[in-house]
Every structure is written in C-alpha cells, then in structure tokens.
Protein backbone atom coordinates (compact mmCIF):
# COMPACT_ATOMS: atom_id res chain seq x y z
CA MET A 1 51.71 -12.64 57.79
CA LYS A 2 55.37 -12.68 60.78
CA ARG A 3 57.41 -9.65 60.40
CA ILE A 4 60.65 -10.32 60.10
CA LEU A 5 63.83 -8.24 60.09
CA ARG A 6 66.78 -9.10 57.61
CA SER A 7 69.96 -7.54 56.82
CA PHE A 8 72.25 -7.34 54.70
CA LEU A 9 75.36 -5.73 53.18
CA LYS A 10 76.17 -6.37 49.92
CA LEU A 11 77.51 -3.77 48.53
CA ARG A 12 79.66 -5.50 46.38
CA PRO A 13 81.65 -3.41 43.63
CA GLY A 14 82.84 -5.91 41.41
CA ALA A 15 84.21 -4.13 38.12
CA MET A 16 83.55 -1.37 39.66
CA ALA A 17 86.61 -0.69 42.72
CA ASN A 18 86.35 3.14 42.47
CA LEU A 19 82.50 3.78 43.32
CA PRO A 20 82.12 4.88 47.09
CA PRO A 21 79.19 3.66 48.82
CA PRO A 22 75.89 5.42 48.79
CA ALA A 23 75.72 8.15 51.39
CA PRO A 24 72.54 10.26 51.42
CA MET A 25 72.81 13.17 54.00
CA ARG A 26 71.36 11.54 56.67
CA ARG A 27 69.51 8.32 57.19
CA THR A 28 67.11 7.38 54.51
CA TYR A 29 64.38 4.67 54.32
CA VAL A 30 63.07 3.07 49.86
CA VAL A 31 60.04 1.36 50.44
CA GLY A 32 58.40 -0.58 47.39
CA ASP A 33 56.01 -1.23 45.43
CA ILE A 34 52.66 -1.54 47.89
CA HIS A 35 49.95 -2.11 45.04
CA GLY A 36 47.04 -2.06 47.98
CA MET A 37 48.98 -3.63 50.42
CA ASP A 38 47.61 -1.54 52.77
CA LYS A 39 47.95 -4.06 56.26
CA ALA A 40 51.43 -4.81 54.88
CA LEU A 41 52.14 -1.42 54.47
CA ALA A 42 50.45 -0.71 57.41
CA ARG A 43 52.94 -3.07 59.54
CA LEU A 44 55.74 -2.06 57.77
CA LEU A 45 55.92 1.76 58.59
CA VAL A 46 55.42 0.75 62.26
CA ARG A 47 58.93 -1.58 61.98
CA ILE A 48 60.10 1.62 60.29
CA GLY A 49 58.98 3.59 63.27
CA GLN A 50 60.41 1.04 66.26
CA ASP A 51 63.75 0.61 63.78
CA ARG A 52 64.47 4.81 64.03
CA GLY A 53 63.52 5.95 66.98
CA SER A 54 64.01 9.67 67.64
CA ALA A 55 66.52 10.49 64.67
CA PRO A 56 66.21 12.37 62.09
CA ALA A 57 65.27 10.36 58.86
CA ASP A 58 64.38 10.23 55.32
CA LEU A 59 60.90 8.15 54.07
CA VAL A 60 61.17 7.92 50.77
CA PHE A 61 58.09 5.79 48.02
CA VAL A 62 59.14 4.22 45.22
CA GLY A 63 55.67 4.12 43.29
CA ASP A 64 52.93 1.72 42.07
CA TYR A 65 51.09 2.11 45.40
CA ALA A 66 47.42 1.22 43.86
CA ASP A 67 45.98 -1.59 41.45
CA ARG A 68 46.52 -5.77 41.68
CA GLY A 69 46.56 -5.57 45.53
CA PRO A 70 42.73 -5.53 47.71
CA GLY A 71 43.29 -1.57 49.14
CA SER A 72 44.16 0.39 46.71
CA ALA A 73 42.10 2.96 48.28
CA ALA A 74 43.25 2.12 51.92
CA VAL A 75 47.01 2.80 50.59
CA LEU A 76 46.50 5.17 48.47
CA LYS A 77 45.06 7.06 52.21
CA GLN A 78 47.09 6.94 54.16
CA LEU A 79 50.01 7.80 52.39
CA PHE A 80 48.10 10.90 51.41
CA ALA A 81 47.97 11.66 54.89
CA LEU A 82 51.68 10.88 55.62
CA CYS A 83 52.38 13.57 52.98
CA GLU A 84 50.18 16.29 54.13
CA GLY A 85 51.21 15.94 57.46
CA GLY A 86 55.64 14.42 57.21
CA GLY A 87 56.83 17.83 57.26
CA GLY A 88 58.63 17.13 54.54
CA ASN A 89 60.69 14.18 55.27
CA VAL A 90 57.89 11.89 53.57
CA ILE A 91 58.40 11.62 49.31
CA CYS A 92 55.95 9.81 47.62
CA LEU A 93 57.30 9.22 43.66
CA ARG A 94 55.33 8.93 41.23
CA GLY A 95 55.35 5.45 39.72
CA ASN A 96 53.32 3.33 36.33
CA HIS A 97 50.87 2.88 38.15
CA GLU A 98 49.73 6.39 39.17
CA GLN A 99 50.84 7.54 35.48
CA MET A 100 47.75 5.12 34.16
CA MET A 101 45.06 6.00 36.77
CA LEU A 102 46.07 9.39 35.35
CA ASP A 103 45.41 8.64 31.81
CA PHE A 104 42.68 7.47 32.73
CA LEU A 105 41.41 10.09 34.36
CA ASP A 106 42.37 11.98 32.04
CA ARG A 107 41.71 10.08 28.32
CA PRO A 108 39.57 7.00 29.58
CA GLU A 109 38.49 5.77 26.31
CA GLU A 110 42.18 5.81 24.94
CA LYS A 111 44.22 5.67 28.36
CA GLY A 112 41.47 3.10 29.78
CA ALA A 113 41.95 -0.82 28.90
CA LEU A 114 45.32 -0.84 29.20
CA TRP A 115 45.31 1.22 33.07
CA LEU A 116 42.00 -1.47 34.01
CA VAL A 117 44.00 -5.51 32.83
CA ASN A 118 46.73 -4.10 35.05
CA GLY A 119 45.32 -3.57 38.23
CA GLY A 120 42.50 -0.46 38.05
CA GLN A 121 39.70 -3.02 38.53
CA GLU A 122 41.01 -4.04 41.38
CA THR A 123 41.95 0.09 42.57
CA LEU A 124 38.32 0.76 41.18
CA GLN A 125 36.50 -1.60 43.30
CA SER A 126 38.87 -0.90 46.46
CA PHE A 127 37.07 2.56 46.16
CA GLY A 128 33.51 1.27 45.88
CA ILE A 129 33.35 1.39 41.92
CA THR A 130 31.58 -1.22 39.92
CA ARG A 131 31.05 -1.47 36.46
CA ASP A 132 26.89 -1.67 36.27
CA ALA A 133 24.33 -0.74 33.88
CA ARG A 134 22.95 2.41 35.29
CA MET A 135 26.36 3.53 33.95
CA GLY A 136 26.44 4.98 30.63
CA VAL A 137 25.99 2.38 28.13
CA SER A 138 27.53 4.15 25.25
CA ASN A 139 30.52 5.37 27.27
CA PRO A 140 31.36 3.06 30.12
CA LEU A 141 34.33 3.92 31.02
CA ASP A 142 34.37 7.88 30.67
CA SER A 143 31.23 7.25 33.26
CA LEU A 144 34.10 4.88 35.12
CA SER A 145 36.77 7.52 35.09
CA GLN A 146 33.92 10.41 36.60
CA ALA A 147 33.29 7.86 39.42
CA LEU A 148 36.72 7.57 40.59
CA ARG A 149 36.94 11.40 40.50
CA ALA A 150 34.14 11.90 42.80
CA ALA A 151 35.76 8.42 45.12
CA LEU A 152 38.85 10.78 45.84
CA PRO A 153 39.93 12.72 48.31
CA ALA A 154 39.73 16.54 48.36
CA GLY A 155 43.16 17.39 46.67
CA MET A 156 44.25 13.82 46.39
CA GLU A 157 44.26 14.27 42.10
CA ASP A 158 46.40 17.31 42.84
CA TRP A 159 48.26 14.98 45.12
CA LEU A 160 49.21 12.48 42.69
CA ARG A 161 49.60 14.85 39.75
CA ALA A 162 52.18 16.77 41.66
CA LEU A 163 54.05 13.48 42.79
CA PRO A 164 57.96 14.08 42.01
CA LEU A 165 59.74 11.41 39.52
CA LEU A 166 62.93 11.63 41.72
CA TRP A 167 64.58 11.71 44.33
CA GLN A 168 67.74 13.05 45.43
CA SER A 169 69.70 13.22 48.88
CA GLY A 170 73.14 13.16 48.35
CA ASN A 171 74.73 10.54 46.14
CA LEU A 172 71.69 8.77 46.32
CA ALA A 173 68.93 8.83 43.88
CA VAL A 174 65.51 7.50 44.39
CA VAL A 175 63.07 6.66 41.51
CA HIS A 176 60.36 4.47 40.38
CA ALA A 177 61.55 2.53 37.05
CA ALA A 178 65.43 3.18 36.05
CA ALA A 179 67.87 5.64 35.37
CA ASP A 180 69.03 5.78 31.88
CA PRO A 181 72.66 5.44 33.21
CA ARG A 182 74.64 7.61 30.27
CA ARG A 183 72.58 11.40 31.45
CA PRO A 184 72.86 13.24 34.87
CA VAL A 185 70.19 11.82 36.85
CA ASP A 186 69.00 15.76 36.63
CA ARG A 187 68.54 14.98 32.81
CA GLN A 188 65.46 11.86 32.64
CA LYS A 189 63.05 11.41 30.30
CA PRO A 190 60.21 10.71 32.15
CA GLU A 191 59.55 7.01 30.45
CA ALA A 192 62.96 6.25 31.90
CA LEU A 193 62.51 7.17 35.47
CA LEU A 194 58.67 5.57 35.33
CA TRP A 195 58.80 2.49 32.61
CA GLY A 196 62.84 1.14 33.16
CA HIS A 197 65.63 1.94 30.24
CA PRO A 198 67.30 -0.81 28.08
CA ARG A 199 71.70 -0.03 29.97
CA PHE A 200 69.18 -0.07 33.65
CA PRO A 201 71.01 -1.74 35.75
CA ALA A 202 73.31 -4.14 33.85
CA GLU A 203 75.34 -0.56 32.47
CA PRO A 204 77.56 1.48 35.12
CA ARG A 205 77.13 4.76 35.70
CA GLY A 206 80.23 6.81 36.33
CA ASP A 207 79.00 9.82 38.33
CA GLY A 208 79.01 7.70 41.42
CA ILE A 209 75.55 8.31 42.05
CA TRP A 210 73.92 5.33 43.68
CA VAL A 211 69.92 4.05 42.21
CA ALA A 212 67.34 2.84 44.20
CA HIS A 213 64.71 1.80 42.71
CA GLY A 214 61.44 -0.74 42.93
CA HIS A 215 59.28 -1.92 39.36
CA ARG A 216 61.33 -4.95 38.44
CA VAL A 217 59.98 -7.93 40.45
CA VAL A 218 63.64 -9.67 42.49
CA GLU A 219 63.37 -12.48 44.63
CA ARG A 220 65.69 -10.31 47.01
CA PRO A 221 66.44 -7.45 47.49
CA ILE A 222 70.08 -6.07 46.12
CA ALA A 223 71.63 -3.78 46.94
CA GLU A 224 75.60 -3.76 44.96
CA ASN A 225 77.56 -2.43 42.02
CA GLY A 226 75.35 1.03 42.30
CA HIS A 227 71.95 0.11 41.93
CA ILE A 228 69.47 -1.26 44.88
CA ALA A 229 66.44 -3.16 44.30
CA VAL A 230 63.50 -3.01 46.25
CA ASP A 231 59.78 -4.01 44.98
CA THR A 232 59.75 -7.96 45.93
CA GLY A 233 56.83 -8.39 45.02
CA ALA A 234 53.97 -7.73 47.89
CA TRP A 235 50.82 -7.97 45.58
CA ARG A 236 51.99 -10.95 44.39
CA GLY A 237 52.59 -13.02 47.88
CA GLY A 238 56.39 -11.45 48.02
CA PRO A 239 57.60 -9.68 50.85
CA LEU A 240 57.21 -5.50 51.50
CA THR A 241 60.76 -4.15 51.84
CA ALA A 242 62.26 -1.19 52.50
CA ALA A 243 65.69 -0.35 52.25
CA ARG A 244 66.73 1.63 54.89
CA ILE A 245 70.73 3.22 53.89
CA ASP A 246 72.73 5.18 56.19
CA PRO A 247 74.71 8.04 55.21
CA ASP A 248 78.59 5.60 56.63
CA GLY A 249 77.23 3.37 53.89
CA ARG A 250 75.24 1.24 55.45
CA VAL A 251 72.37 -0.41 53.29
CA ASP A 252 69.67 -2.82 55.51
CA PHE A 253 66.47 -4.19 54.24
CA LEU A 254 63.43 -4.38 56.44
CA GLN A 255 60.57 -6.79 55.75
CA GLU A 256 57.14 -7.43 56.52
C-alpha cells in the first residue's frame, strides 16, 4: 500500500466551548485497531519512527491486535517484543478481542464459539493451528485452546493477561472502546472500556478529559468534542491510523 500522511486539526468544541485541547505530558502516538494486519503495522511503525526522530514520545496501542486479519501471530509477537524493550514508553492496552482470546483459553467450551466467529479462526491459523481429525473429537474446542496455549511464545499469555484497560497522560485518556462520560476516568467499569458505552461519545464529559479510542470503525479519524477516534478499519481495506497528539493540543493523523 502506498504510504500516506494525512494531517488534520479538527478540534471543534461546538457546545463544549470551555473544553481545553488535549494536552498529554509529552508527544503521544495512539495507534488504532490492527486486527492482524502485520504489514501495515510494520509500515506505520517506520512512519512513526521517522516522524518522531529523537524526540521523547509515548506509543500507545488501543487493543484488538489479533483476529480477522491474516497476520495475528506476527502482530502479537511484534507488540510483545516492543513492550518488552520499550522502557515503559510503549503501552499496549487490552481490547475486547484480546479479552475474547483469553476467555477462550480459560473456558473454551463456553466462550470458544463467540471468539471463533469473530476472527479467532484466523488467529489460530496464523499460529499454524487447524482443526483436524486428530484433535479431540469429544471436546474439539478444548483441544484447540490447549493447542493455542502451547503455540504462544513464552511469556505472551502472562503479558496478555496483564494488559491495562486505560492509560492517561495529562488530560488525555486512552482506552479501547469507550468511557462512561458520567464516571471519572479512574472509576470506569471494564465492560465500558472493552465493549463500549451507550452514552459515548455523544454525551460530553464535564472534566476536560479527552478520550482517544478505537473499536468503532470510522471512515476518517476524528478529533473533536473531547474524543479522538483512530479505528479506520485496517482489516477490511481501510488504512491503519495513528494519532499524534502534542502537549500544545495539536492533533495529526499518520496512516498506512
């Protein structure tokens, strides 16, 4: 795919005339849902490195690294390595697809069908796991779960289980799906952060916090009225997007 840089400054307060601009403590890159698009991720990381140069910055991934796209294993391995060597400047959040994969590992018979129809089959294939006659006929989902656990690199399952649900710097909060606008960001319920909330993003917050998020596919990335949306549907033909958010309130979008 041809590399693209699209810059936007779409901070339109509208009814929120007193809303300050987003102001993380330092430059922050927020990367949208990857969903197994490993080649797009590799290109975007190069672009971010070129854009960042030697300046200090935080790199935050909003979750949904696996499922649907063909390179889920490659994406997970790359992000795992980045977090291990990032010195605390690389933050990977948990998305609902990571949660579904962990639920499959823990309760395959109860949770396996949901995960498999939502991209889990592609993730298994990316790890070289296919269902065949040699797998447990009486309990195939349990057999697949055991095969996935065995295929994960050492330490990856523990890493997935430890992924945080929220990251904050200054008045910028980053989550996977949403934040309840009527609750403080440090008192959010996990289901809202992972799966969304009916009042988000239509209802404004009253605390000056900007929420950057993925989960909801948008045709173009958005930065307005207190939220920044960065899931542009990479797995279904859209670009992979990163928002660059500077302490002075400027928001630009890099895409690959």
